[in-house]
Structures are given as C-alpha cells and as structure tokens.
C-alpha cells in the first residue's frame, strides 16, 4: 500500500485531517473520536499498512475495497455499527 492510497482512504472514509510531524486522522461520530491513525509524510510504501488497517478496524477485504472505491464513508459507518464501535442510527 502506498502512502498516497492511505491518505485517500482515510479522507474517503470521513476522517478529519490534522497536519503535524505526521498527518493525523481522526474519525468522529456524534462528536466523539472513534478511531485515529497517522500516516507519515512523504512518498513511497506505507510500511505499517497492517497497523493502519487495524487502526481503521477493517479487514483485508474491506481495505482493498476502500482502495478501489466501492467501500466509502456510508459503508464504513455501517461497519463500525455492526462491530459495536458506534450506535446504529
């Protein structure tokens, strides 16, 4: 996984971006931070791709789907509700 793909996935899933030493991403639901992750600045491979996936609480298939496009913010929110991280609406 490339770093630019990780940035695109985080934005697509609805994470808010904060810049610093690394680019920090936070996912908020009902005003509460539910998930956080960080992606190092620069180009090239993301060597902590498995950790990135786990922080987003996705499996390999879901992450691959998010990279290719069919898995977006609505599906991510439904997934978080299914695994009990947030309350379903």
PDB file of N, CA and C in Angstrom:
ATOM      1  N   UNK A   1       0.843  -1.171   0.000  1.00  0.00           N
ATOM      2  CA  UNK A   1       0.000   0.000   0.000  1.00  0.00           C
ATOM      3  C   UNK A   1       0.891   1.238   0.000  1.00  0.00           C
ATOM      4  N   UNK A   2       0.572   2.157  -0.850  1.00  0.00           N
ATOM      5  CA  UNK A   2       1.314   3.422  -0.929  1.00  0.00           C
ATOM      6  C   UNK A   2       0.745   4.424   0.079  1.00  0.00           C
ATOM      7  N   UNK A   3       1.580   5.371   0.496  1.00  0.00           N
ATOM      8  CA  UNK A   3       1.136   6.389   1.442  1.00  0.00           C
ATOM      9  C   UNK A   3      -0.003   7.219   0.864  1.00  0.00           C
ATOM     10  N   UNK A   4       0.065   7.535  -0.430  1.00  0.00           N
ATOM     11  CA  UNK A   4      -0.999   8.340  -1.038  1.00  0.00           C
ATOM     12  C   UNK A   4      -2.324   7.593  -1.025  1.00  0.00           C
ATOM     13  N   UNK A   5      -2.288   6.259  -1.149  1.00  0.00           N
ATOM     14  CA  UNK A   5      -3.513   5.465  -1.058  1.00  0.00           C
ATOM     15  C   UNK A   5      -4.084   5.530   0.358  1.00  0.00           C
ATOM     16  N   UNK A   6      -3.209   5.482   1.362  1.00  0.00           N
ATOM     17  CA  UNK A   6      -3.657   5.567   2.752  1.00  0.00           C
ATOM     18  C   UNK A   6      -4.315   6.917   3.016  1.00  0.00           C
ATOM     19  N   UNK A   7      -3.734   7.996   2.507  1.00  0.00           N
ATOM     20  CA  UNK A   7      -4.331   9.324   2.674  1.00  0.00           C
ATOM     21  C   UNK A   7      -5.709   9.373   2.013  1.00  0.00           C
ATOM     22  N   UNK A   8      -5.797   8.852   0.800  1.00  0.00           N
ATOM     23  CA  UNK A   8      -7.059   8.865   0.053  1.00  0.00           C
ATOM     24  C   UNK A   8      -8.125   8.047   0.787  1.00  0.00           C
ATOM     25  N   UNK A   9      -7.767   6.882   1.311  1.00  0.00           N
ATOM     26  CA  UNK A   9      -8.721   6.035   2.027  1.00  0.00           C
ATOM     27  C   UNK A   9      -9.225   6.740   3.280  1.00  0.00           C
ATOM     28  N   UNK A  10      -8.328   7.322   4.063  1.00  0.00           N
ATOM     29  CA  UNK A  10      -8.731   7.997   5.298  1.00  0.00           C
ATOM     30  C   UNK A  10      -9.700   9.140   5.004  1.00  0.00           C
ATOM     31  N   UNK A  11      -9.403   9.949   4.001  1.00  0.00           N
ATOM     32  CA  UNK A  11     -10.298  11.064   3.642  1.00  0.00           C
ATOM     33  C   UNK A  11     -11.639  10.541   3.145  1.00  0.00           C
ATOM     34  N   UNK A  12     -11.600   9.496   2.334  1.00  0.00           N
ATOM     35  CA  UNK A  12     -12.809   8.931   1.750  1.00  0.00           C
ATOM     36  C   UNK A  12     -13.743   8.346   2.807  1.00  0.00           C
ATOM     37  N   UNK A  13     -13.166   7.792   3.866  1.00  0.00           N
ATOM     38  CA  UNK A  13     -13.967   7.197   4.929  1.00  0.00           C
ATOM     39  C   UNK A  13     -14.517   8.227   5.900  1.00  0.00           C
ATOM     40  N   UNK A  14     -14.135   9.496   5.735  1.00  0.00           N
ATOM     41  CA  UNK A  14     -14.683  10.552   6.579  1.00  0.00           C
ATOM     42  C   UNK A  14     -13.803  10.974   7.732  1.00  0.00           C
ATOM     43  N   UNK A  15     -12.529  10.612   7.704  1.00  0.00           N
ATOM     44  CA  UNK A  15     -11.610  11.027   8.755  1.00  0.00           C
ATOM     45  C   UNK A  15     -11.231  12.496   8.569  1.00  0.00           C
ATOM     46  N   UNK A  16     -11.071  13.215   9.677  1.00  0.00           N
ATOM     47  CA  UNK A  16     -10.609  14.599   9.646  1.00  0.00           C
ATOM     48  C   UNK A  16      -9.088  14.595   9.682  1.00  0.00           C
ATOM     49  N   UNK A  17      -8.487  15.474   8.917  1.00  0.00           N
ATOM     50  CA  UNK A  17      -7.026  15.520   8.783  1.00  0.00           C
ATOM     51  C   UNK A  17      -6.435  16.633   9.647  1.00  0.00           C
ATOM     52  N   UNK A  18      -5.351  16.311  10.343  1.00  0.00           N
ATOM     53  CA  UNK A  18      -4.583  17.297  11.109  1.00  0.00           C
ATOM     54  C   UNK A  18      -3.130  17.101  10.760  1.00  0.00           C
ATOM     55  N   UNK A  19      -2.471  18.193  10.393  1.00  0.00           N
ATOM     56  CA  UNK A  19      -1.066  18.086   9.989  1.00  0.00           C
ATOM     57  C   UNK A  19      -0.150  18.354  11.171  1.00  0.00           C
ATOM     58  N   UNK A  20       0.956  17.673  11.169  1.00  0.00           N
ATOM     59  CA  UNK A  20       1.979  17.806  12.183  1.00  0.00           C
ATOM     60  C   UNK A  20       3.214  17.105  11.667  1.00  0.00           C
ATOM     61  N   UNK A  21       3.958  16.458  12.563  1.00  0.00           N
ATOM     62  CA  UNK A  21       5.117  15.672  12.132  1.00  0.00           C
ATOM     63  C   UNK A  21       4.675  14.585  11.152  1.00  0.00           C
ATOM     64  N   UNK A  22       3.554  13.968  11.473  1.00  0.00           N
ATOM     65  CA  UNK A  22       2.888  13.032  10.573  1.00  0.00           C
ATOM     66  C   UNK A  22       1.506  13.621  10.308  1.00  0.00           C
ATOM     67  N   UNK A  23       0.818  13.084   9.349  1.00  0.00           N
ATOM     68  CA  UNK A  23      -0.547  13.539   9.118  1.00  0.00           C
ATOM     69  C   UNK A  23      -1.465  12.651   9.951  1.00  0.00           C
ATOM     70  N   UNK A  24      -2.135  13.259  10.904  1.00  0.00           N
ATOM     71  CA  UNK A  24      -3.020  12.554  11.821  1.00  0.00           C
ATOM     72  C   UNK A  24      -4.439  12.565  11.261  1.00  0.00           C
ATOM     73  N   UNK A  25      -5.147  11.462  11.438  1.00  0.00           N
ATOM     74  CA  UNK A  25      -6.540  11.367  11.007  1.00  0.00           C
ATOM     75  C   UNK A  25      -7.386  10.929  12.193  1.00  0.00           C
ATOM     76  N   UNK A  26      -8.534  11.578  12.355  1.00  0.00           N
ATOM     77  CA  UNK A  26      -9.465  11.238  13.417  1.00  0.00           C
ATOM     78  C   UNK A  26     -10.845  11.038  12.819  1.00  0.00           C
ATOM     79  N   UNK A  27     -11.524   9.985  13.262  1.00  0.00           N
ATOM     80  CA  UNK A  27     -12.902   9.751  12.832  1.00  0.00           C
ATOM     81  C   UNK A  27     -13.797  10.064  14.011  1.00  0.00           C
ATOM     82  N   UNK A  28     -14.722  10.985  13.804  1.00  0.00           N
ATOM     83  CA  UNK A  28     -15.656  11.379  14.854  1.00  0.00           C
ATOM     84  C   UNK A  28     -17.064  10.921  14.497  1.00  0.00           C
ATOM     85  N   UNK A  29     -17.754  10.438  15.522  1.00  0.00           N
ATOM     86  CA  UNK A  29     -19.168  10.080  15.374  1.00  0.00           C
ATOM     87  C   UNK A  29     -19.899  10.682  16.565  1.00  0.00           C
ATOM     88  N   UNK A  30     -20.900  11.501  16.284  1.00  0.00           N
ATOM     89  CA  UNK A  30     -21.672  12.186  17.329  1.00  0.00           C
ATOM     90  C   UNK A  30     -20.747  12.996  18.245  1.00  0.00           C
ATOM     91  N   UNK A  31     -19.716  13.601  17.668  1.00  0.00           N
ATOM     92  CA  UNK A  31     -18.808  14.455  18.422  1.00  0.00           C
ATOM     93  C   UNK A  31     -17.743  13.730  19.226  1.00  0.00           C
ATOM     94  N   UNK A  32     -17.711  12.411  19.146  1.00  0.00           N
ATOM     95  CA  UNK A  32     -16.745  11.607  19.907  1.00  0.00           C
ATOM     96  C   UNK A  32     -15.746  10.989  18.934  1.00  0.00           C
ATOM     97  N   UNK A  33     -14.457  11.044  19.291  1.00  0.00           N
ATOM     98  CA  UNK A  33     -13.428  10.415  18.464  1.00  0.00           C
ATOM     99  C   UNK A  33     -13.549   8.902  18.619  1.00  0.00           C
ATOM    100  N   UNK A  34     -13.766   8.227  17.497  1.00  0.00           N
ATOM    101  CA  UNK A  34     -13.978   6.781  17.491  1.00  0.00           C
ATOM    102  C   UNK A  34     -12.723   6.038  17.055  1.00  0.00           C
ATOM    103  N   UNK A  35     -11.993   6.600  16.094  1.00  0.00           N
ATOM    104  CA  UNK A  35     -10.786   5.949  15.579  1.00  0.00           C
ATOM    105  C   UNK A  35      -9.770   7.009  15.187  1.00  0.00           C
ATOM    106  N   UNK A  36      -8.499   6.688  15.357  1.00  0.00           N
ATOM    107  CA  UNK A  36      -7.420   7.581  14.960  1.00  0.00           C
ATOM    108  C   UNK A  36      -6.342   6.771  14.254  1.00  0.00           C
ATOM    109  N   UNK A  37      -5.625   7.432  13.382  1.00  0.00           N
ATOM    110  CA  UNK A  37      -4.484   6.823  12.716  1.00  0.00           C
ATOM    111  C   UNK A  37      -3.565   7.938  12.247  1.00  0.00           C
ATOM    112  N   UNK A  38      -2.370   7.585  11.853  1.00  0.00           N
ATOM    113  CA  UNK A  38      -1.405   8.559  11.336  1.00  0.00           C
ATOM    114  C   UNK A  38      -0.702   7.945  10.138  1.00  0.00           C
ATOM    115  N   UNK A  39      -0.365   8.812   9.183  1.00  0.00           N
ATOM    116  CA  UNK A  39       0.364   8.379   8.002  1.00  0.00           C
ATOM    117  C   UNK A  39       1.579   9.275   7.870  1.00  0.00           C
ATOM    118  N   UNK A  40       2.789   8.709   7.808  1.00  0.00           N
ATOM    119  CA  UNK A  40       3.988   9.532   7.671  1.00  0.00           C
ATOM    120  C   UNK A  40       3.950  10.357   6.384  1.00  0.00           C
ATOM    121  N   UNK A  41       4.558  11.511   6.440  1.00  0.00           N
ATOM    122  CA  UNK A  41       4.651  12.353   5.250  1.00  0.00           C
ATOM    123  C   UNK A  41       5.629  11.727   4.271  1.00  0.00           C
ATOM    124  N   UNK A  42       5.544  12.152   3.038  1.00  0.00           N
ATOM    125  CA  UNK A  42       6.462  11.671   2.024  1.00  0.00           C
ATOM    126  C   UNK A  42       5.787  10.749   1.034  1.00  0.00           C
ATOM    127  N   UNK A  43       6.598  10.181   0.163  1.00  0.00           N
ATOM    128  CA  UNK A  43       6.102   9.287  -0.878  1.00  0.00           C
ATOM    129  C   UNK A  43       6.590   7.874  -0.601  1.00  0.00           C
ATOM    130  N   UNK A  44       6.037   6.938  -1.340  1.00  0.00           N
ATOM    131  CA  UNK A  44       6.515   5.564  -1.254  1.00  0.00           C
ATOM    132  C   UNK A  44       5.561   4.657  -0.520  1.00  0.00           C
ATOM    133  N   UNK A  45       6.091   3.510  -0.140  1.00  0.00           N
ATOM    134  CA  UNK A  45       5.301   2.476   0.515  1.00  0.00           C
ATOM    135  C   UNK A  45       4.981   2.855   1.957  1.00  0.00           C
ATOM    136  N   UNK A  46       3.806   2.432   2.400  1.00  0.00           N
ATOM    137  CA  UNK A  46       3.417   2.561   3.797  1.00  0.00           C
ATOM    138  C   UNK A  46       3.799   1.246   4.464  1.00  0.00           C
ATOM    139  N   UNK A  47       4.887   1.251   5.218  1.00  0.00           N
ATOM    140  CA  UNK A  47       5.421   0.013   5.786  1.00  0.00           C
ATOM    141  C   UNK A  47       4.622  -0.496   6.975  1.00  0.00           C
ATOM    142  N   UNK A  48       3.711   0.330   7.488  1.00  0.00           N
ATOM    143  CA  UNK A  48       2.861  -0.093   8.600  1.00  0.00           C
ATOM    144  C   UNK A  48       1.420  -0.263   8.118  1.00  0.00           C
ATOM    145  N   UNK A  49       1.255  -0.771   6.906  1.00  0.00           N
ATOM    146  CA  UNK A  49      -0.077  -0.914   6.304  1.00  0.00           C
ATOM    147  C   UNK A  49      -0.987  -1.796   7.152  1.00  0.00           C
ATOM    148  N   UNK A  50      -0.457  -2.859   7.739  1.00  0.00           N
ATOM    149  CA  UNK A  50      -1.283  -3.727   8.575  1.00  0.00           C
ATOM    150  C   UNK A  50      -1.751  -2.984   9.820  1.00  0.00           C
ATOM    151  N   UNK A  51      -0.869  -2.207  10.417  1.00  0.00           N
ATOM    152  CA  UNK A  51      -1.251  -1.407  11.584  1.00  0.00           C
ATOM    153  C   UNK A  51      -2.289  -0.351  11.190  1.00  0.00           C
ATOM    154  N   UNK A  52      -2.111   0.293  10.050  1.00  0.00           N
ATOM    155  CA  UNK A  52      -3.072   1.268   9.532  1.00  0.00           C
ATOM    156  C   UNK A  52      -4.448   0.608   9.386  1.00  0.00           C
ATOM    157  N   UNK A  53      -4.491  -0.569   8.800  1.00  0.00           N
ATOM    158  CA  UNK A  53      -5.742  -1.305   8.611  1.00  0.00           C
ATOM    159  C   UNK A  53      -6.400  -1.617   9.948  1.00  0.00           C
ATOM    160  N   UNK A  54      -5.620  -2.054  10.928  1.00  0.00           N
ATOM    161  CA  UNK A  54      -6.161  -2.390  12.240  1.00  0.00           C
ATOM    162  C   UNK A  54      -6.685  -1.149  12.966  1.00  0.00           C
ATOM    163  N   UNK A  55      -6.002  -0.021  12.815  1.00  0.00           N
ATOM    164  CA  UNK A  55      -6.463   1.214  13.450  1.00  0.00           C
ATOM    165  C   UNK A  55      -7.789   1.684  12.852  1.00  0.00           C
ATOM    166  N   UNK A  56      -8.003   1.407  11.581  1.00  0.00           N
ATOM    167  CA  UNK A  56      -9.273   1.750  10.938  1.00  0.00           C
ATOM    168  C   UNK A  56     -10.356   0.723  11.257  1.00  0.00           C
ATOM    169  N   UNK A  57      -9.953  -0.402  11.876  1.00  0.00           N
ATOM    170  CA  UNK A  57     -10.840  -1.505  12.231  1.00  0.00           C
ATOM    171  C   UNK A  57     -11.473  -2.141  10.997  1.00  0.00           C
ATOM    172  N   UNK A  58     -10.637  -2.379   9.996  1.00  0.00           N
ATOM    173  CA  UNK A  58     -11.074  -3.012   8.756  1.00  0.00           C
ATOM    174  C   UNK A  58     -10.334  -4.327   8.568  1.00  0.00           C
ATOM    175  N   UNK A  59     -10.950  -5.238   7.813  1.00  0.00           N
ATOM    176  CA  UNK A  59     -10.221  -6.443   7.438  1.00  0.00           C
ATOM    177  C   UNK A  59      -9.565  -6.207   6.077  1.00  0.00           C
ATOM    178  N   UNK A  60      -8.780  -7.172   5.619  1.00  0.00           N
ATOM    179  CA  UNK A  60      -8.042  -7.016   4.353  1.00  0.00           C
ATOM    180  C   UNK A  60      -8.980  -6.736   3.186  1.00  0.00           C
ATOM    181  N   UNK A  61     -10.082  -7.459   3.125  1.00  0.00           N
ATOM    182  CA  UNK A  61     -11.034  -7.306   2.029  1.00  0.00           C
ATOM    183  C   UNK A  61     -11.643  -5.905   2.019  1.00  0.00           C
ATOM    184  N   UNK A  62     -12.014  -5.397   3.191  1.00  0.00           N
ATOM    185  CA  UNK A  62     -12.611  -4.066   3.277  1.00  0.00           C
ATOM    186  C   UNK A  62     -11.611  -2.983   2.896  1.00  0.00           C
ATOM    187  N   UNK A  63     -10.366  -3.130   3.329  1.00  0.00           N
ATOM    188  CA  UNK A  63      -9.352  -2.144   2.969  1.00  0.00           C
ATOM    189  C   UNK A  63      -9.105  -2.160   1.466  1.00  0.00           C
ATOM    190  N   UNK A  64      -9.019  -3.335   0.882  1.00  0.00           N
ATOM    191  CA  UNK A  64      -8.830  -3.436  -0.564  1.00  0.00           C
ATOM    192  C   UNK A  64     -10.003  -2.796  -1.305  1.00  0.00           C
ATOM    193  N   UNK A  65     -11.195  -2.995  -0.793  1.00  0.00           N
ATOM    194  CA  UNK A  65     -12.388  -2.403  -1.392  1.00  0.00           C
ATOM    195  C   UNK A  65     -12.368  -0.881  -1.256  1.00  0.00           C
ATOM    196  N   UNK A  66     -11.891  -0.380  -0.120  1.00  0.00           N
ATOM    197  CA  UNK A  66     -11.799   1.068   0.087  1.00  0.00           C
ATOM    198  C   UNK A  66     -10.781   1.694  -0.865  1.00  0.00           C
ATOM    199  N   UNK A  67      -9.698   0.989  -1.129  1.00  0.00           N
ATOM    200  CA  UNK A  67      -8.683   1.495  -2.053  1.00  0.00           C
ATOM    201  C   UNK A  67      -9.248   1.565  -3.471  1.00  0.00           C
ATOM    202  N   UNK A  68     -10.029   0.561  -3.845  1.00  0.00           N
ATOM    203  CA  UNK A  68     -10.565   0.502  -5.209  1.00  0.00           C
ATOM    204  C   UNK A  68     -11.838   1.305  -5.398  1.00  0.00           C
ATOM    205  N   UNK A  69     -12.482   1.752  -4.365  1.00  0.00           N
ATOM    206  CA  UNK A  69     -13.624   2.677  -4.387  1.00  0.00           C
ATOM    207  C   UNK A  69     -14.967   2.195  -3.862  1.00  0.00           C
ATOM    208  N   UNK A  70     -15.401   0.961  -3.968  1.00  0.00           N
ATOM    209  CA  UNK A  70     -16.780   0.666  -3.569  1.00  0.00           C
ATOM    210  C   UNK A  70     -17.074   0.838  -2.078  1.00  0.00           C
ATOM    211  N   UNK A  71     -16.079   0.837  -1.238  1.00  0.00           N
ATOM    212  CA  UNK A  71     -16.264   0.953   0.212  1.00  0.00           C
ATOM    213  C   UNK A  71     -15.987   2.399   0.604  1.00  0.00           C
ATOM    214  N   UNK A  72     -17.035   3.139   0.997  1.00  0.00           N
ATOM    215  CA  UNK A  72     -16.885   4.561   1.309  1.00  0.00           C
ATOM    216  C   UNK A  72     -17.346   4.895   2.718  1.00  0.00           C
ATOM    217  N   UNK A  73     -17.639   6.163   2.949  1.00  0.00           N
ATOM    218  CA  UNK A  73     -17.994   6.659   4.281  1.00  0.00           C
ATOM    219  C   UNK A  73     -19.264   6.015   4.833  1.00  0.00           C
ATOM    220  N   UNK A  74     -20.264   5.826   4.000  1.00  0.00           N
ATOM    221  CA  UNK A  74     -21.522   5.221   4.460  1.00  0.00           C
ATOM    222  C   UNK A  74     -21.289   3.771   4.875  1.00  0.00           C
ATOM    223  N   UNK A  75     -20.562   3.031   4.058  1.00  0.00           N
ATOM    224  CA  UNK A  75     -20.264   1.633   4.375  1.00  0.00           C
ATOM    225  C   UNK A  75     -19.382   1.534   5.627  1.00  0.00           C
ATOM    226  N   UNK A  76     -18.472   2.490   5.790  1.00  0.00           N
ATOM    227  CA  UNK A  76     -17.596   2.488   6.963  1.00  0.00           C
ATOM    228  C   UNK A  76     -18.415   2.704   8.236  1.00  0.00           C
ATOM    229  N   UNK A  77     -19.346   3.646   8.200  1.00  0.00           N
ATOM    230  CA  UNK A  77     -20.195   3.897   9.368  1.00  0.00           C
ATOM    231  C   UNK A  77     -21.041   2.665   9.689  1.00  0.00           C
ATOM    232  N   UNK A  78     -21.587   2.005   8.668  1.00  0.00           N
ATOM    233  CA  UNK A  78     -22.359   0.779   8.880  1.00  0.00           C
ATOM    234  C   UNK A  78     -21.479  -0.316   9.486  1.00  0.00           C
ATOM    235  N   UNK A  79     -20.249  -0.420   9.008  1.00  0.00           N
ATOM    236  CA  UNK A  79     -19.310  -1.425   9.534  1.00  0.00           C
ATOM    237  C   UNK A  79     -19.023  -1.175  11.015  1.00  0.00           C
ATOM    238  N   UNK A  80     -18.769   0.079  11.388  1.00  0.00           N
ATOM    239  CA  UNK A  80     -18.496   0.404  12.791  1.00  0.00           C
ATOM    240  C   UNK A  80     -19.698   0.079  13.677  1.00  0.00           C
ATOM    241  N   UNK A  81     -20.899   0.290  13.168  1.00  0.00           N
ATOM    242  CA  UNK A  81     -22.106  -0.061  13.923  1.00  0.00           C
ATOM    243  C   UNK A  81     -22.224  -1.582  14.071  1.00  0.00           C
ATOM    244  N   UNK A  82     -21.918  -2.318  13.009  1.00  0.00           N
ATOM    245  CA  UNK A  82     -22.002  -3.779  13.046  1.00  0.00           C
ATOM    246  C   UNK A  82     -21.041  -4.400  14.051  1.00  0.00           C
ATOM    247  N   UNK A  83     -19.853  -3.822  14.181  1.00  0.00           N
ATOM    248  CA  UNK A  83     -18.874  -4.402  15.117  1.00  0.00           C
ATOM    249  C   UNK A  83     -18.993  -3.801  16.521  1.00  0.00           C
ATOM    250  N   UNK A  84     -19.982  -2.917  16.712  1.00  0.00           N
ATOM    251  CA  UNK A  84     -20.267  -2.408  18.044  1.00  0.00           C
ATOM    252  C   UNK A  84     -19.436  -1.220  18.491  1.00  0.00           C
ATOM    253  N   UNK A  85     -18.741  -0.541  17.592  1.00  0.00           N
ATOM    254  CA  UNK A  85     -17.935   0.612  17.970  1.00  0.00           C
ATOM    255  C   UNK A  85     -18.809   1.843  18.152  1.00  0.00           C
ATOM    256  N   UNK A  86     -19.829   1.995  17.289  1.00  0.00           N
ATOM    257  CA  UNK A  86     -20.764   3.115  17.411  1.00  0.00           C
ATOM    258  C   UNK A  86     -22.184   2.571  17.463  1.00  0.00           C
ATOM    259  N   UNK A  87     -23.100   3.419  17.912  1.00  0.00           N
ATOM    260  CA  UNK A  87     -24.513   3.050  17.960  1.00  0.00           C
ATOM    261  C   UNK A  87     -25.119   3.200  16.574  1.00  0.00           C
ATOM    262  N   UNK A  88     -25.887   2.226  16.117  1.00  0.00           N
ATOM    263  CA  UNK A  88     -26.537   2.370  14.817  1.00  0.00           C
ATOM    264  C   UNK A  88     -27.589   3.476  14.862  1.00  0.00           C
ATOM    265  N   UNK A  89     -27.758   4.151  13.746  1.00  0.00           N
ATOM    266  CA  UNK A  89     -28.738   5.234  13.689  1.00  0.00           C
ATOM    267  C   UNK A  89     -30.030   4.764  13.091  1.00  0.00           C
TER     268      UNK A  89
END
